[in-house]
PDB file of N, CA and C in Angstrom:
ATOM      1  N   MET A   1      31.024 138.509  46.029  1.00  0.00           N
ATOM      2  CA  MET A   1      32.386 138.028  45.945  1.00  0.00           C
ATOM      3  C   MET A   1      33.311 139.083  45.347  1.00  0.00           C
ATOM      4  N   GLU A   2      32.824 139.799  44.357  1.00  0.00           N
ATOM      5  CA  GLU A   2      33.617 140.838  43.708  1.00  0.00           C
ATOM      6  C   GLU A   2      33.953 141.963  44.689  1.00  0.00           C
ATOM      7  N   LEU A   3      32.984 142.343  45.535  1.00  0.00           N
ATOM      8  CA  LEU A   3      33.233 143.390  46.521  1.00  0.00           C
ATOM      9  C   LEU A   3      34.319 142.970  47.506  1.00  0.00           C
ATOM     10  N   LEU A   4      34.324 141.719  47.880  1.00  0.00           N
ATOM     11  CA  LEU A   4      35.357 141.221  48.788  1.00  0.00           C
ATOM     12  C   LEU A   4      36.727 141.330  48.135  1.00  0.00           C
ATOM     13  N   ARG A   5      36.818 140.981  46.879  1.00  0.00           N
ATOM     14  CA  ARG A   5      38.091 141.082  46.156  1.00  0.00           C
ATOM     15  C   ARG A   5      38.571 142.525  46.075  1.00  0.00           C
ATOM     16  N   ILE A   6      37.665 143.449  45.798  1.00  0.00           N
ATOM     17  CA  ILE A   6      38.007 144.880  45.735  1.00  0.00           C
ATOM     18  C   ILE A   6      38.489 145.351  47.101  1.00  0.00           C
ATOM     19  N   TYR A   7      37.797 144.923  48.159  1.00  0.00           N
ATOM     20  CA  TYR A   7      38.188 145.299  49.520  1.00  0.00           C
ATOM     21  C   TYR A   7      39.596 144.812  49.835  1.00  0.00           C
ATOM     22  N   VAL A   8      39.897 143.587  49.480  1.00  0.00           N
ATOM     23  CA  VAL A   8      41.227 143.018  49.736  1.00  0.00           C
ATOM     24  C   VAL A   8      42.296 143.806  48.988  1.00  0.00           C
ATOM     25  N   ILE A   9      42.025 144.163  47.737  1.00  0.00           N
ATOM     26  CA  ILE A   9      42.979 144.934  46.939  1.00  0.00           C
ATOM     27  C   ILE A   9      43.199 146.313  47.553  1.00  0.00           C
ATOM     28  N   LEU A  10      42.124 146.968  47.995  1.00  0.00           N
ATOM     29  CA  LEU A  10      42.252 148.290  48.621  1.00  0.00           C
ATOM     30  C   LEU A  10      43.065 148.214  49.907  1.00  0.00           C
ATOM     31  N   CYS A  11      42.818 147.190  50.715  1.00  0.00           N
ATOM     32  CA  CYS A  11      43.568 147.034  51.967  1.00  0.00           C
ATOM     33  C   CYS A  11      45.044 146.801  51.681  1.00  0.00           C
ATOM     34  N   MET A  12      45.340 145.990  50.689  1.00  0.00           N
ATOM     35  CA  MET A  12      46.733 145.732  50.342  1.00  0.00           C
ATOM     36  C   MET A  12      47.400 147.026  49.884  1.00  0.00           C
ATOM     37  N   SER A  13      46.685 147.809  49.090  1.00  0.00           N
ATOM     38  CA  SER A  13      47.246 149.063  48.600  1.00  0.00           C
ATOM     39  C   SER A  13      47.485 150.035  49.747  1.00  0.00           C
ATOM     40  N   LEU A  14      46.543 150.127  50.676  1.00  0.00           N
ATOM     41  CA  LEU A  14      46.707 151.019  51.819  1.00  0.00           C
ATOM     42  C   LEU A  14      47.886 150.596  52.682  1.00  0.00           C
ATOM     43  N   ARG A  15      48.036 149.295  52.894  1.00  0.00           N
ATOM     44  CA  ARG A  15      49.169 148.811  53.683  1.00  0.00           C
ATOM     45  C   ARG A  15      50.481 149.218  53.035  1.00  0.00           C
ATOM     46  N   LYS A  16      50.554 149.126  51.715  1.00  0.00           N
ATOM     47  CA  LYS A  16      51.789 149.491  51.016  1.00  0.00           C
ATOM     48  C   LYS A  16      52.044 150.993  51.079  1.00  0.00           C
ATOM     49  N   ILE A  17      50.999 151.796  50.955  1.00  0.00           N
ATOM     50  CA  ILE A  17      51.142 153.249  51.037  1.00  0.00           C
ATOM     51  C   ILE A  17      51.618 153.647  52.432  1.00  0.00           C
ATOM     52  N   VAL A  18      50.958 153.122  53.462  1.00  0.00           N
ATOM     53  CA  VAL A  18      51.342 153.437  54.842  1.00  0.00           C
ATOM     54  C   VAL A  18      52.773 152.964  55.103  1.00  0.00           C
ATOM     55  N   GLY A  19      53.086 151.757  54.680  1.00  0.00           N
ATOM     56  CA  GLY A  19      54.432 151.220  54.891  1.00  0.00           C
ATOM     57  C   GLY A  19      55.501 152.048  54.206  1.00  0.00           C
ATOM     58  N   SER A  20      55.230 152.447  52.990  1.00  0.00           N
ATOM     59  CA  SER A  20      56.179 153.264  52.237  1.00  0.00           C
ATOM     60  C   SER A  20      56.391 154.614  52.920  1.00  0.00           C
ATOM     61  N   ASN A  21      55.309 155.200  53.424  1.00  0.00           N
ATOM     62  CA  ASN A  21      55.423 156.490  54.104  1.00  0.00           C
ATOM     63  C   ASN A  21      56.159 156.365  55.434  1.00  0.00           C
ATOM     64  N   ILE A  22      55.966 155.268  56.142  1.00  0.00           N
ATOM     65  CA  ILE A  22      56.734 155.036  57.368  1.00  0.00           C
ATOM     66  C   ILE A  22      58.215 154.952  57.013  1.00  0.00           C
ATOM     67  N   ARG A  23      58.532 154.157  55.993  1.00  0.00           N
ATOM     68  CA  ARG A  23      59.932 153.995  55.575  1.00  0.00           C
ATOM     69  C   ARG A  23      60.548 155.345  55.174  1.00  0.00           C
ATOM     70  N   ASN A  24      59.838 156.102  54.346  1.00  0.00           N
ATOM     71  CA  ASN A  24      60.372 157.388  53.877  1.00  0.00           C
ATOM     72  C   ASN A  24      60.628 158.352  55.030  1.00  0.00           C
ATOM     73  N   ASN A  25      59.690 158.436  55.956  1.00  0.00           N
ATOM     74  CA  ASN A  25      59.862 159.334  57.100  1.00  0.00           C
ATOM     75  C   ASN A  25      60.974 158.851  58.022  1.00  0.00           C
ATOM     76  N   ARG A  26      61.103 157.552  58.188  1.00  0.00           N
ATOM     77  CA  ARG A  26      62.176 156.996  59.008  1.00  0.00           C
ATOM     78  C   ARG A  26      63.530 157.317  58.396  1.00  0.00           C
ATOM     79  N   LYS A  27      63.644 157.120  57.082  1.00  0.00           N
ATOM     80  CA  LYS A  27      64.909 157.384  56.398  1.00  0.00           C
ATOM     81  C   LYS A  27      65.261 158.868  56.400  1.00  0.00           C
ATOM     82  N   GLU A  28      64.240 159.747  56.328  1.00  0.00           N
ATOM     83  CA  GLU A  28      64.493 161.190  56.392  1.00  0.00           C
ATOM     84  C   GLU A  28      65.167 161.567  57.708  1.00  0.00           C
ATOM     85  N   LYS A  29      64.861 160.828  58.762  1.00  0.00           N
ATOM     86  CA  LYS A  29      65.476 161.079  60.064  1.00  0.00           C
ATOM     87  C   LYS A  29      66.828 160.378  60.191  1.00  0.00           C
ATOM     88  N   GLY A  30      67.160 159.539  59.197  1.00  0.00           N
ATOM     89  CA  GLY A  30      68.421 158.817  59.244  1.00  0.00           C
ATOM     90  C   GLY A  30      68.399 157.652  60.228  1.00  0.00           C
ATOM     91  N   TRP A  31      67.202 157.157  60.520  1.00  0.00           N
ATOM     92  CA  TRP A  31      67.039 156.079  61.492  1.00  0.00           C
ATOM     93  C   TRP A  31      67.000 154.714  60.827  1.00  0.00           C
ATOM     94  N   SER A  32      67.499 153.727  61.533  1.00  0.00           N
ATOM     95  CA  SER A  32      67.348 152.334  61.122  1.00  0.00           C
ATOM     96  C   SER A  32      65.970 151.841  61.579  1.00  0.00           C
ATOM     97  N   GLN A  33      65.557 150.691  61.059  1.00  0.00           N
ATOM     98  CA  GLN A  33      64.317 150.083  61.535  1.00  0.00           C
ATOM     99  C   GLN A  33      64.429 149.774  63.025  1.00  0.00           C
ATOM    100  N   GLU A  34      65.613 149.381  63.444  1.00  0.00           N
ATOM    101  CA  GLU A  34      65.828 149.047  64.856  1.00  0.00           C
ATOM    102  C   GLU A  34      65.637 150.271  65.753  1.00  0.00           C
ATOM    103  N   LYS A  35      66.116 151.419  65.298  1.00  0.00           N
ATOM    104  CA  LYS A  35      65.981 152.637  66.098  1.00  0.00           C
ATOM    105  C   LYS A  35      64.519 153.041  66.226  1.00  0.00           C
ATOM    106  N   LEU A  36      63.789 153.037  65.106  1.00  0.00           N
ATOM    107  CA  LEU A  36      62.366 153.366  65.156  1.00  0.00           C
ATOM    108  C   LEU A  36      61.626 152.369  66.036  1.00  0.00           C
ATOM    109  N   ALA A  37      61.929 151.098  65.876  1.00  0.00           N
ATOM    110  CA  ALA A  37      61.263 150.064  66.671  1.00  0.00           C
ATOM    111  C   ALA A  37      61.485 150.298  68.158  1.00  0.00           C
ATOM    112  N   GLY A  38      62.708 150.602  68.544  1.00  0.00           N
ATOM    113  CA  GLY A  38      63.012 150.848  69.945  1.00  0.00           C
ATOM    114  C   GLY A  38      62.258 152.042  70.492  1.00  0.00           C
ATOM    115  N   LYS A  39      62.222 153.121  69.726  1.00  0.00           N
ATOM    116  CA  LYS A  39      61.536 154.338  70.171  1.00  0.00           C
ATOM    117  C   LYS A  39      60.024 154.121  70.264  1.00  0.00           C
ATOM    118  N   ALA A  40      59.473 153.308  69.347  1.00  0.00           N
ATOM    119  CA  ALA A  40      58.024 153.075  69.308  1.00  0.00           C
ATOM    120  C   ALA A  40      57.610 151.848  70.124  1.00  0.00           C
ATOM    121  N   LYS A  41      58.571 151.199  70.764  1.00  0.00           N
ATOM    122  CA  LYS A  41      58.310 149.997  71.561  1.00  0.00           C
ATOM    123  C   LYS A  41      57.669 148.888  70.726  1.00  0.00           C
ATOM    124  N   LEU A  42      58.277 148.645  69.558  1.00  0.00           N
ATOM    125  CA  LEU A  42      57.870 147.585  68.640  1.00  0.00           C
ATOM    126  C   LEU A  42      59.110 146.763  68.322  1.00  0.00           C
ATOM    127  N   THR A  43      58.929 145.636  67.652  1.00  0.00           N
ATOM    128  CA  THR A  43      60.095 144.869  67.218  1.00  0.00           C
ATOM    129  C   THR A  43      60.534 145.362  65.844  1.00  0.00           C
ATOM    130  N   SER A  44      61.804 145.195  65.548  1.00  0.00           N
ATOM    131  CA  SER A  44      62.303 145.612  64.236  1.00  0.00           C
ATOM    132  C   SER A  44      61.712 144.740  63.132  1.00  0.00           C
ATOM    133  N   ASP A  45      61.426 143.480  63.429  1.00  0.00           N
ATOM    134  CA  ASP A  45      60.775 142.610  62.438  1.00  0.00           C
ATOM    135  C   ASP A  45      59.391 143.146  62.073  1.00  0.00           C
ATOM    136  N   TYR A  46      58.668 143.616  63.081  1.00  0.00           N
ATOM    137  CA  TYR A  46      57.333 144.164  62.853  1.00  0.00           C
ATOM    138  C   TYR A  46      57.416 145.439  62.022  1.00  0.00           C
ATOM    139  N   VAL A  47      58.360 146.317  62.348  1.00  0.00           N
ATOM    140  CA  VAL A  47      58.544 147.552  61.577  1.00  0.00           C
ATOM    141  C   VAL A  47      58.877 147.207  60.119  1.00  0.00           C
ATOM    142  N   GLY A  48      59.737 146.234  59.906  1.00  0.00           N
ATOM    143  CA  GLY A  48      60.072 145.805  58.545  1.00  0.00           C
ATOM    144  C   GLY A  48      58.862 145.282  57.798  1.00  0.00           C
ATOM    145  N   SER A  49      58.053 144.478  58.484  1.00  0.00           N
ATOM    146  CA  SER A  49      56.830 143.950  57.861  1.00  0.00           C
ATOM    147  C   SER A  49      55.847 145.066  57.540  1.00  0.00           C
ATOM    148  N   LEU A  50      55.750 146.054  58.422  1.00  0.00           N
ATOM    149  CA  LEU A  50      54.881 147.215  58.159  1.00  0.00           C
ATOM    150  C   LEU A  50      55.354 147.970  56.936  1.00  0.00           C
ATOM    151  N   GLU A  51      56.644 148.213  56.875  1.00  0.00           N
ATOM    152  CA  GLU A  51      57.186 148.978  55.748  1.00  0.00           C
ATOM    153  C   GLU A  51      57.005 148.255  54.420  1.00  0.00           C
ATOM    154  N   ARG A  52      56.977 146.948  54.439  1.00  0.00           N
ATOM    155  CA  ARG A  52      56.753 146.173  53.213  1.00  0.00           C
ATOM    156  C   ARG A  52      55.275 145.969  52.919  1.00  0.00           C
ATOM    157  N   GLY A  53      54.401 146.446  53.802  1.00  0.00           N
ATOM    158  CA  GLY A  53      52.957 146.309  53.599  1.00  0.00           C
ATOM    159  C   GLY A  53      52.469 144.894  53.790  1.00  0.00           C
ATOM    160  N   GLN A  54      53.157 144.117  54.606  1.00  0.00           N
ATOM    161  CA  GLN A  54      52.814 142.704  54.778  1.00  0.00           C
ATOM    162  C   GLN A  54      51.847 142.432  55.921  1.00  0.00           C
ATOM    163  N   VAL A  55      51.696 143.393  56.835  1.00  0.00           N
ATOM    164  CA  VAL A  55      50.828 143.168  57.995  1.00  0.00           C
ATOM    165  C   VAL A  55      49.914 144.372  58.205  1.00  0.00           C
ATOM    166  N   ASN A  56      48.798 144.115  58.876  1.00  0.00           N
ATOM    167  CA  ASN A  56      47.933 145.204  59.298  1.00  0.00           C
ATOM    168  C   ASN A  56      48.533 145.814  60.559  1.00  0.00           C
ATOM    169  N   VAL A  57      48.360 147.092  60.706  1.00  0.00           N
ATOM    170  CA  VAL A  57      48.919 147.799  61.856  1.00  0.00           C
ATOM    171  C   VAL A  57      47.784 148.257  62.766  1.00  0.00           C
ATOM    172  N   SER A  58      48.008 148.199  64.056  1.00  0.00           N
ATOM    173  CA  SER A  58      47.000 148.685  64.998  1.00  0.00           C
ATOM    174  C   SER A  58      47.082 150.210  65.087  1.00  0.00           C
ATOM    175  N   LEU A  59      45.997 150.810  65.528  1.00  0.00           N
ATOM    176  CA  LEU A  59      45.994 152.260  65.711  1.00  0.00           C
ATOM    177  C   LEU A  59      46.980 152.663  66.799  1.00  0.00           C
ATOM    178  N   ASP A  60      47.125 151.827  67.822  1.00  0.00           N
ATOM    179  CA  ASP A  60      48.088 152.120  68.893  1.00  0.00           C
ATOM    180  C   ASP A  60      49.508 152.181  68.336  1.00  0.00           C
ATOM    181  N   ALA A  61      49.860 151.216  67.504  1.00  0.00           N
ATOM    182  CA  ALA A  61      51.210 151.198  66.919  1.00  0.00           C
ATOM    183  C   ALA A  61      51.399 152.393  65.985  1.00  0.00           C
ATOM    184  N   LEU A  62      50.379 152.717  65.187  1.00  0.00           N
ATOM    185  CA  LEU A  62      50.472 153.880  64.297  1.00  0.00           C
ATOM    186  C   LEU A  62      50.679 155.157  65.094  1.00  0.00           C
ATOM    187  N   GLU A  63      49.961 155.278  66.189  1.00  0.00           N
ATOM    188  CA  GLU A  63      50.091 156.469  67.026  1.00  0.00           C
ATOM    189  C   GLU A  63      51.509 156.592  67.581  1.00  0.00           C
ATOM    190  N   ARG A  64      52.083 155.493  68.048  1.00  0.00           N
ATOM    191  CA  ARG A  64      53.442 155.526  68.591  1.00  0.00           C
ATOM    192  C   ARG A  64      54.463 155.846  67.500  1.00  0.00           C
ATOM    193  N   ILE A  65      54.294 155.245  66.330  1.00  0.00           N
ATOM    194  CA  ILE A  65      55.207 155.495  65.209  1.00  0.00           C
ATOM    195  C   ILE A  65      55.153 156.969  64.815  1.00  0.00           C
ATOM    196  N   CYS A  66      53.943 157.497  64.669  1.00  0.00           N
ATOM    197  CA  CYS A  66      53.789 158.898  64.266  1.00  0.00           C
ATOM    198  C   CYS A  66      54.379 159.844  65.299  1.00  0.00           C
ATOM    199  N   LYS A  67      54.194 159.532  66.557  1.00  0.00           N
ATOM    200  CA  LYS A  67      54.762 160.378  67.613  1.00  0.00           C
ATOM    201  C   LYS A  67      56.288 160.391  67.503  1.00  0.00           C
ATOM    202  N   CYS A  68      56.882 159.224  67.292  1.00  0.00           N
ATOM    203  CA  CYS A  68      58.341 159.143  67.156  1.00  0.00           C
ATOM    204  C   CYS A  68      58.839 159.897  65.929  1.00  0.00           C
ATOM    205  N   LEU A  69      58.113 159.764  64.822  1.00  0.00           N
ATOM    206  CA  LEU A  69      58.526 160.398  63.571  1.00  0.00           C
ATOM    207  C   LEU A  69      58.102 161.866  63.486  1.00  0.00           C
ATOM    208  N   GLU A  70      57.328 162.308  64.475  1.00  0.00           N
ATOM    209  CA  GLU A  70      56.828 163.689  64.519  1.00  0.00           C
ATOM    210  C   GLU A  70      55.998 164.040  63.281  1.00  0.00           C
ATOM    211  N   ILE A  71      55.068 163.123  62.957  1.00  0.00           N
ATOM    212  CA  ILE A  71      54.141 163.334  61.842  1.00  0.00           C
ATOM    213  C   ILE A  71      52.731 163.001  62.327  1.00  0.00           C
ATOM    214  N   THR A  72      51.742 163.380  61.519  1.00  0.00           N
ATOM    215  CA  THR A  72      50.360 163.025  61.845  1.00  0.00           C
ATOM    216  C   THR A  72      50.009 161.699  61.184  1.00  0.00           C
ATOM    217  N   ILE A  73      49.026 161.039  61.738  1.00  0.00           N
ATOM    218  CA  ILE A  73      48.572 159.774  61.139  1.00  0.00           C
ATOM    219  C   ILE A  73      48.103 160.013  59.708  1.00  0.00           C
ATOM    220  N   THR A  74      47.476 161.144  59.486  1.00  0.00           N
ATOM    221  CA  THR A  74      46.980 161.476  58.142  1.00  0.00           C
ATOM    222  C   THR A  74      48.081 161.430  57.103  1.00  0.00           C
ATOM    223  N   GLU A  75      49.267 161.874  57.480  1.00  0.00           N
ATOM    224  CA  GLU A  75      50.395 161.901  56.536  1.00  0.00           C
ATOM    225  C   GLU A  75      50.771 160.511  56.048  1.00  0.00           C
ATOM    226  N   LEU A  76      50.460 159.490  56.814  1.00  0.00           N
ATOM    227  CA  LEU A  76      50.814 158.120  56.408  1.00  0.00           C
ATOM    228  C   LEU A  76      49.925 157.606  55.278  1.00  0.00           C
ATOM    229  N   PHE A  77      48.753 158.218  55.096  1.00  0.00           N
ATOM    230  CA  PHE A  77      47.816 157.717  54.101  1.00  0.00           C
ATOM    231  C   PHE A  77      47.866 158.490  52.787  1.00  0.00           C
ATOM    232  N   ILE A  78      48.769 159.452  52.686  1.00  0.00           N
ATOM    233  CA  ILE A  78      48.901 160.247  51.469  1.00  0.00           C
ATOM    234  C   ILE A  78      49.907 159.566  50.543  1.00  0.00           C
ATOM    235  N   LYS A  79      49.481 159.333  49.336  1.00  0.00           N
ATOM    236  CA  LYS A  79      50.321 158.616  48.368  1.00  0.00           C
ATOM    237  C   LYS A  79      51.457 159.468  47.899  1.00  0.00           C
TER     238      LYS A  79
END
């Protein structure tokens, strides 16, 4: 049970780190959530939820986001 709790905490932390890095890179480009969503073929609600660390993201969505932001997936996991 303890391992499950640790896993949940780690996943929540990773979601927040990835979300924060998406937000920071988006803002560096001067883009709104709507602009990034349109370029990545996602909804702006989904992008907002990602940036807040509220949802898990698929690898396909991460790949599209990174391509739009011109960054590597690895950069999203750096605190």
